[in-house]
N, C-alpha and C. Protein backbone atom coordinates (compact mmCIF):
# COMPACT_ATOMS: atom_id res chain seq x y z
N UNK A 1 90.77 132.85 94.48
CA UNK A 1 90.64 131.95 95.95
C UNK A 1 89.24 131.99 96.88
N UNK A 2 88.43 132.36 95.28
CA UNK A 2 87.01 132.74 95.79
C UNK A 2 87.00 130.84 95.46
N UNK A 3 87.07 130.07 94.58
CA UNK A 3 86.96 128.58 94.14
C UNK A 3 87.54 127.08 95.24
N UNK A 4 88.85 128.30 95.73
CA UNK A 4 89.42 127.81 97.00
C UNK A 4 89.10 128.15 98.14
N UNK A 5 88.33 128.75 98.73
CA UNK A 5 87.43 129.08 99.95
C UNK A 5 86.56 128.36 99.67
N UNK A 6 85.36 127.69 98.53
CA UNK A 6 84.57 126.75 98.12
C UNK A 6 84.96 125.98 98.30
N UNK A 7 85.61 125.52 97.48
CA UNK A 7 86.60 123.85 98.16
C UNK A 7 86.49 123.74 99.30
N UNK A 8 87.19 123.90 99.76
CA UNK A 8 87.66 124.27 101.74
C UNK A 8 86.63 123.86 102.14
N UNK A 9 85.64 124.75 101.64
CA UNK A 9 84.11 124.58 102.34
C UNK A 9 84.14 123.01 102.25
N UNK A 10 83.83 122.55 101.00
CA UNK A 10 83.06 121.17 101.20
C UNK A 10 84.08 120.41 101.43
N UNK A 11 84.93 120.28 101.51
CA UNK A 11 86.22 119.22 102.04
C UNK A 11 85.84 119.31 103.93
N UNK A 12 85.78 121.05 104.64
CA UNK A 12 85.07 120.65 105.69
C UNK A 12 84.15 119.82 106.04
N UNK A 13 83.07 119.95 105.07
CA UNK A 13 82.11 119.52 105.10
C UNK A 13 81.67 117.70 105.40
N UNK A 14 82.17 117.38 104.08
CA UNK A 14 83.27 116.04 103.95
C UNK A 14 83.24 115.75 105.34
N UNK A 15 84.61 116.01 106.16
CA UNK A 15 85.09 116.34 107.24
C UNK A 15 84.08 115.53 108.02
N UNK A 16 83.09 116.87 108.17
CA UNK A 16 82.39 116.49 109.32
C UNK A 16 81.13 115.34 108.99
N UNK A 17 80.90 115.42 107.45
CA UNK A 17 80.31 114.37 107.36
C UNK A 17 80.79 112.81 108.08
N UNK A 18 81.90 112.70 108.29
CA UNK A 18 83.11 111.05 108.68
C UNK A 18 82.42 111.04 110.31
N UNK A 19 81.35 111.40 110.45
CA UNK A 19 80.69 111.17 112.47
C UNK A 19 81.02 109.05 112.34
N UNK A 20 80.88 109.40 111.26
CA UNK A 20 80.96 107.29 111.54
C UNK A 20 81.92 107.00 110.46
N UNK A 21 83.05 107.81 110.53
CA UNK A 21 84.15 107.47 109.73
C UNK A 21 84.36 106.29 109.99
N UNK A 22 84.78 104.65 109.51
CA UNK A 22 84.58 103.22 109.62
C UNK A 22 85.70 103.67 110.04
N UNK A 23 87.40 103.91 109.88
CA UNK A 23 88.45 104.03 110.15
C UNK A 23 89.11 104.86 111.08
N UNK A 24 88.03 105.05 112.17
CA UNK A 24 88.63 106.54 112.89
C UNK A 24 89.27 105.20 114.01
N UNK A 25 88.53 104.83 113.97
CA UNK A 25 88.98 104.16 115.72
C UNK A 25 90.47 103.30 115.32
N UNK A 26 91.24 102.95 114.16
CA UNK A 26 92.39 102.71 114.68
C UNK A 26 93.11 103.67 114.69
N UNK A 27 92.90 104.71 114.88
CA UNK A 27 94.32 105.80 114.68
C UNK A 27 94.18 106.25 116.31
N UNK A 28 93.20 105.92 117.25
CA UNK A 28 92.89 106.52 118.32
C UNK A 28 94.44 106.87 118.93
N UNK A 29 94.89 105.81 119.32
CA UNK A 29 96.38 105.60 119.90
C UNK A 29 97.28 106.30 119.68
N UNK A 30 97.98 106.42 118.50
CA UNK A 30 98.16 107.62 117.68
C UNK A 30 97.75 108.63 117.51
N UNK A 31 96.65 109.59 117.57
CA UNK A 31 96.39 111.43 118.19
C UNK A 31 96.40 111.26 119.46
N UNK A 32 96.14 109.81 120.72
CA UNK A 32 97.04 110.13 121.88
C UNK A 32 98.45 110.64 122.21
N UNK A 33 99.01 109.61 121.07
CA UNK A 33 100.79 109.78 121.28
C UNK A 33 100.93 111.77 121.02
N UNK A 34 100.23 112.05 119.95
CA UNK A 34 100.74 113.04 118.98
C UNK A 34 99.93 113.89 120.30
N UNK A 35 98.80 114.28 121.15
CA UNK A 35 98.34 114.82 122.19
C UNK A 35 99.97 115.23 122.80
N UNK A 36 99.55 113.47 123.68
CA UNK A 36 100.92 113.15 124.61
C UNK A 36 102.33 114.23 124.30
N UNK A 37 102.95 114.14 123.14
CA UNK A 37 103.84 115.09 122.98
C UNK A 37 104.03 116.18 122.45
N UNK A 38 103.08 116.82 121.71
CA UNK A 38 102.43 118.87 121.80
C UNK A 38 102.28 118.89 123.28
N UNK A 39 101.66 117.91 124.36
CA UNK A 39 101.68 118.61 125.81
C UNK A 39 103.11 119.20 126.55
N UNK A 40 103.92 117.57 125.94
CA UNK A 40 105.22 117.98 126.54
C UNK A 40 105.72 119.11 125.98
N UNK A 41 105.95 119.37 124.78
CA UNK A 41 107.00 119.67 123.75
C UNK A 41 106.34 121.08 123.03
N UNK A 42 104.82 121.14 123.43
CA UNK A 42 104.59 122.50 122.70
C UNK A 42 104.48 122.17 121.26
N UNK A 43 103.63 123.39 120.80
CA UNK A 43 103.11 122.91 118.99
C UNK A 43 104.34 123.05 118.66
N UNK A 44 104.86 122.55 116.81
CA UNK A 44 105.60 122.88 116.35
C UNK A 44 105.10 124.43 116.21
N UNK A 45 106.64 125.41 116.31
CA UNK A 45 106.50 127.21 115.59
C UNK A 45 107.72 126.63 114.52
N UNK A 46 107.25 126.97 113.50
CA UNK A 46 108.45 127.04 112.16
C UNK A 46 109.00 125.61 111.96
N UNK A 47 109.56 125.49 111.49
CA UNK A 47 110.52 124.09 111.13
C UNK A 47 109.60 122.88 109.89
N UNK A 48 109.55 121.96 109.97
CA UNK A 48 108.82 121.13 109.41
C UNK A 48 108.15 120.59 109.65
N UNK A 49 107.56 119.97 109.37
CA UNK A 49 106.12 119.42 109.49
C UNK A 49 105.70 118.03 109.02
N UNK A 50 106.39 116.05 109.46
CA UNK A 50 106.34 115.55 107.99
C UNK A 50 104.99 114.91 108.97
N UNK A 51 103.84 114.66 107.25
CA UNK A 51 103.20 114.31 107.08
C UNK A 51 102.68 112.62 106.27
N UNK A 52 102.13 111.84 106.89
CA UNK A 52 101.91 110.45 105.27
C UNK A 52 101.91 109.17 106.81
N UNK A 53 101.75 108.12 105.51
CA UNK A 53 102.01 106.94 106.06
C UNK A 53 102.57 106.32 106.81
N UNK A 54 103.36 105.04 106.73
CA UNK A 54 104.39 103.58 106.56
C UNK A 54 105.41 104.78 106.90
N UNK A 55 105.79 106.01 105.87
CA UNK A 55 107.31 105.78 105.47
C UNK A 55 107.80 107.03 106.06
N UNK A 56 106.78 107.89 106.03
CA UNK A 56 106.20 108.91 107.12
C UNK A 56 106.81 107.93 108.86
N UNK A 57 106.27 107.29 109.37
CA UNK A 57 106.42 106.86 110.71
C UNK A 57 107.64 106.55 110.93
N UNK A 58 107.83 105.28 110.04
CA UNK A 58 108.65 104.61 110.00
C UNK A 58 111.04 105.83 109.99
N UNK A 59 110.82 106.74 109.66
CA UNK A 59 111.33 107.47 108.88
C UNK A 59 112.42 107.60 110.81
N UNK A 60 113.70 106.78 110.11
CA UNK A 60 114.68 106.63 111.29
C UNK A 60 115.28 107.87 112.00
N UNK A 61 115.37 108.47 112.72
CA UNK A 61 116.52 109.20 112.96
C UNK A 61 116.25 111.09 112.11
N UNK A 62 115.31 111.38 112.46
CA UNK A 62 114.44 112.04 111.23
C UNK A 62 115.18 113.22 111.73
N UNK A 63 114.95 113.23 113.19
CA UNK A 63 115.46 114.87 113.22
C UNK A 63 117.32 114.85 112.73
N UNK A 64 117.74 113.80 112.58
CA UNK A 64 119.30 113.53 113.40
C UNK A 64 119.05 114.08 111.27
N UNK A 65 118.00 113.17 110.92
CA UNK A 65 118.34 113.39 109.27
C UNK A 65 118.33 115.30 108.50
N UNK A 66 117.73 115.87 109.38
CA UNK A 66 117.53 116.81 108.71
C UNK A 66 118.08 118.48 110.22
N UNK A 67 119.30 118.06 110.22
CA UNK A 67 119.41 119.03 112.22
C UNK A 67 119.47 120.48 111.17
N UNK A 68 119.29 120.94 110.69
CA UNK A 68 120.00 122.40 109.90
C UNK A 68 118.07 123.12 110.67
N UNK A 69 117.25 122.04 110.41
CA UNK A 69 115.61 121.96 110.64
C UNK A 69 114.77 121.38 111.79
N UNK A 70 114.43 122.59 112.88
CA UNK A 70 113.00 121.68 113.94
C UNK A 70 112.41 120.74 113.03
N UNK A 71 112.36 119.70 112.71
CA UNK A 71 111.27 119.03 112.58
C UNK A 71 110.32 118.40 113.36
N UNK A 72 109.00 117.68 113.05
CA UNK A 72 108.12 117.02 114.09
C UNK A 72 107.63 116.16 112.87
N UNK A 73 107.45 114.30 113.04
CA UNK A 73 106.95 113.60 112.49
C UNK A 73 105.65 113.26 112.84
N UNK A 74 104.00 113.87 111.97
CA UNK A 74 102.89 113.75 112.47
C UNK A 74 102.72 112.57 111.42
N UNK A 75 103.65 111.08 110.81
CA UNK A 75 102.52 110.06 109.58
C UNK A 75 102.17 109.23 111.18
N UNK A 76 101.00 108.35 110.39
CA UNK A 76 100.33 106.96 111.44
C UNK A 76 100.45 106.21 109.91
N UNK A 77 101.30 104.79 110.69
CA UNK A 77 101.41 104.21 109.08
C UNK A 77 99.80 103.19 108.90
N UNK A 78 100.09 102.71 107.97
CA UNK A 78 99.04 102.07 107.48
C UNK A 78 97.57 102.99 106.72
N UNK A 79 98.07 104.64 107.00
CA UNK A 79 96.88 105.20 106.92
C UNK A 79 97.17 106.14 105.18
N UNK A 80 95.68 106.41 105.00
CA UNK A 80 95.10 106.59 103.69
C UNK A 80 95.03 108.51 103.35
N UNK A 81 95.06 108.95 102.09
CA UNK A 81 94.38 110.49 102.66
C UNK A 81 93.81 110.67 103.42
N UNK A 82 92.04 109.56 103.84
CA UNK A 82 91.19 110.61 104.31
C UNK A 82 91.42 110.11 105.56
N UNK A 83 92.09 109.56 106.33
CA UNK A 83 92.45 109.51 107.52
C UNK A 83 93.12 111.38 107.62
N UNK A 84 93.70 111.66 107.05
CA UNK A 84 94.46 112.53 107.26
C UNK A 84 93.37 113.76 106.92
N UNK A 85 92.73 113.25 106.87
CA UNK A 85 91.24 114.81 106.65
C UNK A 85 90.26 114.71 108.04
N UNK A 86 90.35 113.00 108.01
CA UNK A 86 89.70 113.06 109.65
C UNK A 86 90.06 113.80 110.72
N UNK A 87 91.15 113.32 111.09
CA UNK A 87 92.18 113.85 111.91
C UNK A 87 93.23 114.74 111.47
N UNK A 88 92.90 115.83 110.64
CA UNK A 88 93.37 116.86 110.56
C UNK A 88 93.96 117.75 111.07
N UNK A 89 92.68 118.35 112.84
CA UNK A 89 92.22 118.80 113.88
C UNK A 89 93.44 118.15 114.80
N UNK A 90 93.55 117.65 114.72
CA UNK A 90 94.56 116.37 115.97
C UNK A 90 96.04 116.74 115.83
N UNK A 91 96.03 115.93 114.61
CA UNK A 91 97.36 115.80 114.30
C UNK A 91 98.38 117.29 112.84
N UNK A 92 97.53 117.98 112.12
CA UNK A 92 98.71 119.11 111.82
C UNK A 92 97.61 120.32 112.10
N UNK A 93 96.24 120.81 112.10
CA UNK A 93 95.49 122.22 112.41
C UNK A 93 96.95 122.25 114.30
N UNK A 94 96.99 122.07 114.51
CA UNK A 94 97.76 122.67 115.67
C UNK A 94 99.31 122.83 116.27
N UNK A 95 99.72 123.18 114.73
CA UNK A 95 101.16 123.06 114.21
C UNK A 95 101.00 124.42 113.64
N UNK A 96 102.48 125.52 113.30
CA UNK A 96 102.00 126.09 112.57
C UNK A 96 103.90 126.68 112.14
N UNK A 97 103.86 125.29 111.17
CA UNK A 97 105.27 125.08 110.26
C UNK A 97 105.35 126.13 109.39
N UNK A 98 106.63 126.24 108.74
CA UNK A 98 106.66 126.76 107.87
C UNK A 98 106.94 125.99 106.20
N UNK A 99 106.95 124.89 106.92
CA UNK A 99 106.86 123.77 105.78
C UNK A 99 106.01 122.88 106.00
N UNK A 100 104.67 121.77 105.19
CA UNK A 100 104.68 120.48 105.33
C UNK A 100 105.20 119.38 104.64
N UNK A 101 105.40 118.42 104.85
CA UNK A 101 106.00 117.34 103.85
C UNK A 101 104.40 116.82 104.17
N UNK A 102 104.63 115.90 102.57
CA UNK A 102 103.14 114.69 102.50
C UNK A 102 103.73 113.40 102.20
N UNK A 103 104.04 112.64 102.15
CA UNK A 103 104.37 111.26 101.60
C UNK A 103 103.14 110.41 102.11
N UNK A 104 102.10 110.51 100.84
CA UNK A 104 100.48 109.76 100.97
C UNK A 104 100.47 109.04 100.00
N UNK A 105 99.94 107.74 99.26
CA UNK A 105 99.09 107.21 98.48
C UNK A 105 99.25 106.13 97.74
N UNK A 106 100.04 105.29 98.89
CA UNK A 106 100.57 103.76 98.63
C UNK A 106 99.40 102.88 99.21
N UNK A 107 98.70 103.12 99.81
CA UNK A 107 97.69 102.51 100.33
C UNK A 107 97.15 102.94 99.89
N UNK A 108 96.39 103.97 99.52
CA UNK A 108 95.07 104.33 98.89
C UNK A 108 95.45 103.85 97.77
N UNK A 109 95.99 103.55 96.99
CA UNK A 109 95.94 102.91 95.19
C UNK A 109 96.48 101.21 95.33
N UNK A 110 96.56 101.06 96.91
CA UNK A 110 95.98 98.93 97.30
C UNK A 110 94.57 98.99 96.82
N UNK A 111 93.91 99.61 97.49
CA UNK A 111 92.39 99.55 97.05
C UNK A 111 92.36 99.90 95.12
N UNK A 112 91.86 98.69 94.95
CA UNK A 112 91.12 98.63 93.91
C UNK A 112 90.10 99.26 92.97
N UNK A 113 89.17 99.95 94.36
CA UNK A 113 88.23 101.10 93.95
C UNK A 113 89.01 102.24 93.57
N UNK A 114 89.92 102.12 93.96
CA UNK A 114 90.26 103.35 94.20
C UNK A 114 91.61 103.91 93.19
N UNK A 115 90.63 104.90 92.11
CA UNK A 115 91.26 105.30 90.72
C UNK A 115 92.45 106.53 91.30
N UNK A 116 93.75 106.41 91.06
CA UNK A 116 94.84 108.18 91.32
C UNK A 116 93.60 108.82 90.82
N UNK A 117 92.94 109.27 90.09
CA UNK A 117 91.82 110.32 90.09
C UNK A 117 91.28 110.35 91.54
N UNK A 118 90.90 109.23 91.99
CA UNK A 118 89.47 109.44 92.99
C UNK A 118 90.55 110.02 93.96
N UNK A 119 92.23 109.43 94.60
CA UNK A 119 92.97 109.35 95.28
C UNK A 119 93.58 111.57 95.48
N UNK A 120 93.97 111.58 94.31
CA UNK A 120 94.24 112.70 93.67
C UNK A 120 92.29 114.10 94.35
N UNK A 121 91.18 113.44 94.71
CA UNK A 121 90.56 114.61 95.22
C UNK A 121 90.53 113.96 96.21
N UNK A 122 91.69 113.13 97.14
CA UNK A 122 91.62 113.31 98.27
C UNK A 122 92.97 114.12 98.56
N UNK A 123 93.99 113.94 98.01
CA UNK A 123 94.62 114.91 98.15
C UNK A 123 94.64 116.06 98.22
N UNK A 124 93.67 116.35 96.92
CA UNK A 124 93.81 117.93 96.75
C UNK A 124 92.47 118.83 98.23
N UNK A 125 92.22 118.35 98.60
CA UNK A 125 90.94 118.31 99.83
C UNK A 125 92.46 118.69 100.59
N UNK A 126 92.90 117.41 101.04
CA UNK A 126 93.73 117.65 102.33
C UNK A 126 94.74 118.78 101.81
N UNK A 127 95.19 119.24 100.93
CA UNK A 127 96.30 119.49 100.52
C UNK A 127 96.17 121.34 100.63
N UNK A 128 94.00 122.34 100.43
CA UNK A 128 93.58 123.08 100.40
C UNK A 128 93.01 123.03 101.94
N UNK A 129 93.34 122.38 102.45
CA UNK A 129 92.71 122.38 103.70
C UNK A 129 93.94 123.04 104.85
N UNK A 130 95.09 122.63 104.39
CA UNK A 130 96.22 122.64 104.92
C UNK A 130 97.17 123.96 104.40
N UNK A 131 96.59 124.06 103.06
CA UNK A 131 96.82 125.90 102.96
C UNK A 131 96.20 126.72 103.54
N UNK A 132 94.91 126.69 103.73
CA UNK A 132 94.13 127.87 104.51
C UNK A 132 93.90 127.62 105.27
N UNK A 133 94.85 126.60 106.14
CA UNK A 133 95.22 126.57 107.38
C UNK A 133 96.47 127.38 107.73
N UNK A 134 97.27 127.06 107.13
CA UNK A 134 98.59 127.34 107.45
C UNK A 134 98.87 128.51 105.75
N UNK A 135 98.32 129.03 105.71
CA UNK A 135 98.79 130.31 104.71
C UNK A 135 100.28 130.89 104.00
N UNK A 136 100.59 130.56 105.40
CA UNK A 136 101.52 130.98 105.33
C UNK A 136 103.28 129.55 104.73
N UNK A 137 102.65 128.52 105.21
CA UNK A 137 103.49 127.48 104.85
C UNK A 137 103.41 126.54 103.32
N UNK A 138 105.15 126.35 103.70
CA UNK A 138 105.20 125.85 101.98
C UNK A 138 104.41 124.08 102.38
N UNK A 139 104.43 123.60 101.38
CA UNK A 139 103.96 122.40 101.04
C UNK A 139 104.65 121.37 99.87
N UNK A 140 105.10 120.80 100.57
CA UNK A 140 105.85 119.49 99.70
C UNK A 140 105.68 118.16 99.38
N UNK A 141 104.82 118.23 98.15
CA UNK A 141 104.13 116.64 97.71
C UNK A 141 105.72 115.00 97.56
N UNK A 142 105.72 113.99 98.44
CA UNK A 142 106.30 113.11 97.81
C UNK A 142 105.78 111.97 96.69
N UNK A 143 106.13 112.41 95.58
CA UNK A 143 105.81 111.23 95.07
C UNK A 143 105.80 109.55 95.33
N UNK A 144 104.98 108.86 95.25
CA UNK A 144 105.48 107.42 96.11
C UNK A 144 106.03 106.24 95.02
N UNK A 145 106.61 106.01 96.24
CA UNK A 145 107.82 104.83 95.60
C UNK A 145 107.64 103.66 95.36
N UNK A 146 108.15 103.48 94.12
CA UNK A 146 107.43 102.05 93.59
C UNK A 146 108.23 101.30 94.55
N UNK A 147 107.84 100.15 94.72
CA UNK A 147 108.32 98.83 96.05
C UNK A 147 107.47 97.43 94.65
N UNK A 148 108.61 96.43 95.53
CA UNK A 148 108.46 95.33 94.75
C UNK A 148 107.64 94.65 95.69
N UNK A 149 107.25 94.90 96.10
CA UNK A 149 106.21 93.65 97.41
C UNK A 149 104.63 93.82 96.47
N UNK A 150 104.30 95.70 95.82
CA UNK A 150 103.14 96.12 95.24
C UNK A 150 103.35 96.34 93.72
N UNK A 151 104.06 95.97 93.25
CA UNK A 151 104.97 95.75 92.20
C UNK A 151 103.62 96.25 90.87
N UNK A 152 102.63 95.05 91.47
CA UNK A 152 101.41 95.32 90.68
C UNK A 152 100.31 96.09 90.30
N UNK A 153 100.84 97.90 91.55
CA UNK A 153 100.24 98.91 91.55
C UNK A 153 101.71 99.92 90.69
N UNK A 154 102.16 99.08 90.26
CA UNK A 154 103.43 100.35 90.00
C UNK A 154 102.86 101.39 89.04
N UNK A 155 102.19 100.70 87.35
CA UNK A 155 101.24 102.18 87.04
C UNK A 155 100.63 102.93 87.54
N UNK A 156 99.81 102.88 88.71
CA UNK A 156 99.04 103.78 89.46
C UNK A 156 99.42 104.18 90.26
N UNK A 157 100.82 103.40 91.06
CA UNK A 157 101.97 104.46 91.94
C UNK A 157 102.69 106.14 90.28
N UNK A 158 102.18 105.61 89.24
CA UNK A 158 103.11 106.68 88.08
C UNK A 158 102.17 107.28 88.08
N UNK A 159 100.79 106.82 87.58
CA UNK A 159 100.10 108.17 86.78
C UNK A 159 99.36 109.05 87.75
N UNK A 160 99.31 108.68 89.86
CA UNK A 160 98.93 109.17 91.03
C UNK A 160 99.96 110.29 90.56
N UNK A 161 101.82 109.85 90.60
CA UNK A 161 102.81 110.83 91.19
C UNK A 161 102.72 111.79 89.41
N UNK A 162 101.88 111.30 88.81
CA UNK A 162 102.33 112.88 87.52
C UNK A 162 101.24 113.63 88.09
N UNK A 163 99.86 112.50 88.11
CA UNK A 163 99.16 114.13 89.10
C UNK A 163 99.40 114.77 89.88
N UNK A 164 100.39 114.86 90.67
CA UNK A 164 100.55 115.08 92.03
C UNK A 164 101.30 116.37 91.16
N UNK A 165 102.47 115.85 90.60
CA UNK A 165 103.63 116.81 89.10
C UNK A 165 102.73 118.20 88.55
N UNK A 166 101.43 117.63 88.42
CA UNK A 166 100.79 119.01 87.51
C UNK A 166 100.13 119.49 88.65
N UNK A 167 99.43 118.87 89.59
CA UNK A 167 99.25 119.97 90.87
C UNK A 167 99.91 120.57 91.24
N UNK A 168 101.37 120.76 91.31
CA UNK A 168 102.19 121.29 92.02
C UNK A 168 101.96 122.78 91.11
N UNK A 169 102.04 122.64 90.04
CA UNK A 169 102.80 123.26 88.65
C UNK A 169 101.38 124.83 89.21
N UNK A 170 99.94 123.85 89.61
CA UNK A 170 99.55 125.05 89.08
C UNK A 170 99.53 125.73 90.71
N UNK A 171 100.25 125.47 91.88
CA UNK A 171 100.53 126.57 93.08
C UNK A 171 101.40 126.95 93.52
N UNK A 172 101.94 127.80 93.44
CA UNK A 172 102.89 128.19 94.19
C UNK A 172 103.62 128.62 95.35
N UNK A 173 102.96 127.68 96.67
CA UNK A 173 102.52 127.54 97.96
C UNK A 173 103.52 125.33 97.79
N UNK A 174 103.09 125.14 96.35
CA UNK A 174 103.40 123.75 96.50
C UNK A 174 104.44 123.37 95.48
N UNK A 175 104.95 122.14 96.20
CA UNK A 175 106.31 121.24 95.36
C UNK A 175 106.56 119.89 95.12
N UNK A 176 106.22 119.16 94.58
CA UNK A 176 106.62 118.00 93.85
C UNK A 176 107.48 117.42 94.08
N UNK A 177 108.52 116.35 94.80
CA UNK A 177 109.52 115.95 93.96
C UNK A 177 109.36 114.65 94.84
N UNK A 178 110.29 113.36 93.73
CA UNK A 178 110.16 111.81 93.78
C UNK A 178 111.48 111.22 94.00
N UNK A 179 111.63 109.86 94.42
CA UNK A 179 112.90 109.69 94.19
C UNK A 179 112.74 108.21 93.48
N UNK A 180 111.62 108.49 92.32
CA UNK A 180 111.10 107.03 91.93
C UNK A 180 112.50 106.80 91.14
N UNK A 181 113.49 107.45 90.50
CA UNK A 181 114.38 107.46 89.55
C UNK A 181 115.54 106.63 90.28
N UNK A 182 115.70 107.56 91.49
CA UNK A 182 117.12 106.73 92.55
C UNK A 182 116.51 105.47 93.00
N UNK A 183 115.19 104.60 93.37
CA UNK A 183 114.92 104.08 93.97
C UNK A 183 114.97 102.86 92.41
N UNK A 184 113.99 103.10 90.59
CA UNK A 184 114.59 102.21 90.27
C UNK A 184 116.13 101.93 89.71
N UNK A 185 116.63 100.81 88.79
CA UNK A 185 117.65 100.49 88.04
C UNK A 185 117.94 101.50 86.59
N UNK A 186 118.92 101.19 85.96
CA UNK A 186 119.08 101.11 85.10
C UNK A 186 118.16 100.49 83.74
N UNK A 187 117.96 99.84 84.27
CA UNK A 187 117.15 98.81 83.58
C UNK A 187 115.50 98.82 83.78
N UNK A 188 115.22 99.84 84.97
CA UNK A 188 113.63 100.43 85.37
C UNK A 188 113.03 98.93 86.49
N UNK A 189 113.95 98.11 87.00
CA UNK A 189 113.27 97.55 87.94
C UNK A 189 113.83 98.36 89.80
N UNK A 190 112.87 98.09 90.53
CA UNK A 190 112.93 98.68 90.92
C UNK A 190 114.15 97.59 92.17
N UNK A 191 114.63 98.66 92.66
CA UNK A 191 116.19 98.61 93.71
C UNK A 191 116.06 97.82 95.16
N UNK A 192 116.43 96.77 95.53
CA UNK A 192 115.78 95.55 96.40
C UNK A 192 116.14 95.85 97.80
N UNK A 193 117.61 96.33 97.34
CA UNK A 193 118.75 96.36 97.61
C UNK A 193 118.43 97.81 99.55
N UNK A 194 118.08 98.67 98.82
CA UNK A 194 117.21 99.72 99.36
C UNK A 194 115.48 99.45 100.13
N UNK A 195 115.53 98.45 100.37
CA UNK A 195 113.82 98.13 101.30
C UNK A 195 114.51 97.09 101.88
N UNK A 196 113.43 96.69 103.05
CA UNK A 196 113.79 96.05 104.22
C UNK A 196 112.97 94.97 103.83
N UNK A 197 113.36 93.30 104.35
CA UNK A 197 112.83 92.06 103.68
C UNK A 197 111.75 91.80 103.57
N UNK A 198 110.32 93.03 103.85
CA UNK A 198 109.06 92.40 103.48
C UNK A 198 109.01 92.99 102.33
N UNK A 199 110.27 94.23 101.55
CA UNK A 199 110.13 95.10 100.39
C UNK A 199 108.69 95.64 99.60
N UNK A 200 109.02 95.52 101.28
CA UNK A 200 107.84 96.94 100.76
C UNK A 200 108.42 98.68 101.96
N UNK A 201 108.90 98.29 103.37
CA UNK A 201 109.95 99.87 103.65
C UNK A 201 110.76 99.62 103.52
N UNK A 202 111.23 101.04 103.37
CA UNK A 202 112.67 101.38 103.06
C UNK A 202 113.42 100.76 104.25
N UNK A 203 114.16 100.71 103.91
CA UNK A 203 115.95 100.25 104.88
C UNK A 203 117.20 102.31 105.19
N UNK A 204 117.65 101.46 106.21
CA UNK A 204 118.52 103.09 106.41
C UNK A 204 119.16 103.58 104.72
N UNK A 205 119.38 103.06 104.41
CA UNK A 205 120.01 103.29 103.02
C UNK A 205 118.91 103.58 101.92
N UNK A 206 117.83 103.12 102.02
CA UNK A 206 116.65 103.46 101.13
C UNK A 206 116.21 104.89 102.09
N UNK A 207 116.12 105.11 103.08
CA UNK A 207 115.97 106.39 103.40
C UNK A 207 117.76 107.52 103.64
N UNK A 208 118.42 106.61 103.13
CA UNK A 208 119.42 108.20 102.88
C UNK A 208 118.83 108.66 101.35
N UNK A 209 118.51 107.71 100.73
CA UNK A 209 118.33 108.08 98.86
C UNK A 209 116.96 109.45 99.52
N UNK A 210 116.10 109.25 100.22
CA UNK A 210 115.07 110.44 100.56
C UNK A 210 115.99 111.28 100.89
N UNK A 211 116.78 111.13 101.73
CA UNK A 211 117.05 112.79 102.57
C UNK A 211 118.04 113.37 101.45
N UNK A 212 118.61 113.04 100.86
CA UNK A 212 119.37 113.46 99.64
C UNK A 212 118.33 114.07 98.85
N UNK A 213 117.71 113.90 98.50
CA UNK A 213 116.79 114.80 97.51
C UNK A 213 116.07 115.60 98.53
N UNK A 214 115.51 115.06 99.62
CA UNK A 214 114.79 116.05 100.35
C UNK A 214 115.67 117.88 101.12
N UNK A 215 117.02 116.97 100.96
CA UNK A 215 117.53 117.97 101.99
C UNK A 215 117.63 119.53 101.31
N UNK A 216 117.51 119.79 99.66
CA UNK A 216 117.83 120.98 99.36
C UNK A 216 116.49 121.74 99.76
N UNK A 217 115.26 120.81 99.73
CA UNK A 217 114.21 121.76 99.12
C UNK A 217 113.98 121.38 100.42
N UNK A 218 114.29 120.97 101.69
CA UNK A 218 113.50 121.43 103.24
C UNK A 218 114.11 123.06 103.13
N UNK A 219 112.75 123.86 103.77
CA UNK A 219 112.74 125.73 103.63
C UNK A 219 114.21 126.02 102.75
N UNK A 220 114.08 125.77 101.84
CA UNK A 220 115.41 126.36 100.98
C UNK A 220 115.22 127.55 100.78
N UNK A 221 115.86 128.14 100.29
CA UNK A 221 116.35 129.83 99.73
C UNK A 221 114.84 130.34 99.13
N UNK A 222 114.90 129.66 97.73
CA UNK A 222 113.74 129.97 96.91
C UNK A 222 113.11 129.45 97.24
N UNK A 223 112.47 128.81 98.47
CA UNK A 223 110.63 128.54 98.81
C UNK A 223 110.87 129.90 99.61
N UNK A 224 112.31 130.39 100.14
CA UNK A 224 111.00 131.73 101.94
C UNK A 224 110.45 132.31 101.04
N UNK A 225 109.79 132.71 102.36
CA UNK A 225 108.95 134.35 101.71
C UNK A 225 109.44 134.57 101.70
């Protein structure tokens, strides 16, 4: 526990050092939208908070996908892990969910400088920040989906997914799940029919795959406190 607290304090100090964070202005509109929604609906109490990049942001009919639980979407498209660390107090901390679902990494690993190991440092920081802020919440890490438009990143995505799986094995509040095998065909090729014409973002059939994978993992009985 002492190591965990020290790690989180380091994460907080890193966040404080982002006073000149060069990506901060990109998301001001999203943060204003979140604040307006929270003002109108109130913060989420219980239920599931979805966090991440465009795979989360663009989820069609998220509430209808999981009618058995209350959900709130706090994704912002194009984001990377450090964006969620920087805006933690405005996008995640206002809520008290029973579970947080995270899909991050596909954009991080398009940066040739950011290795899977460096990405995992950022993701681990975010995970620990969530756990310290929401100690009773389960956290579900979603593996990065392969896609044809970023086929050159496939191996980096695979390495990051393996690292996420290992991280989840270390903590009883953390679970890992991936739709990789459903999105790849028997020959190891991406099933393009699950994607929009840009071959990057999932279409409704692709999201149906995600829903089928996720439904038994959302606040399932064996994950309850």
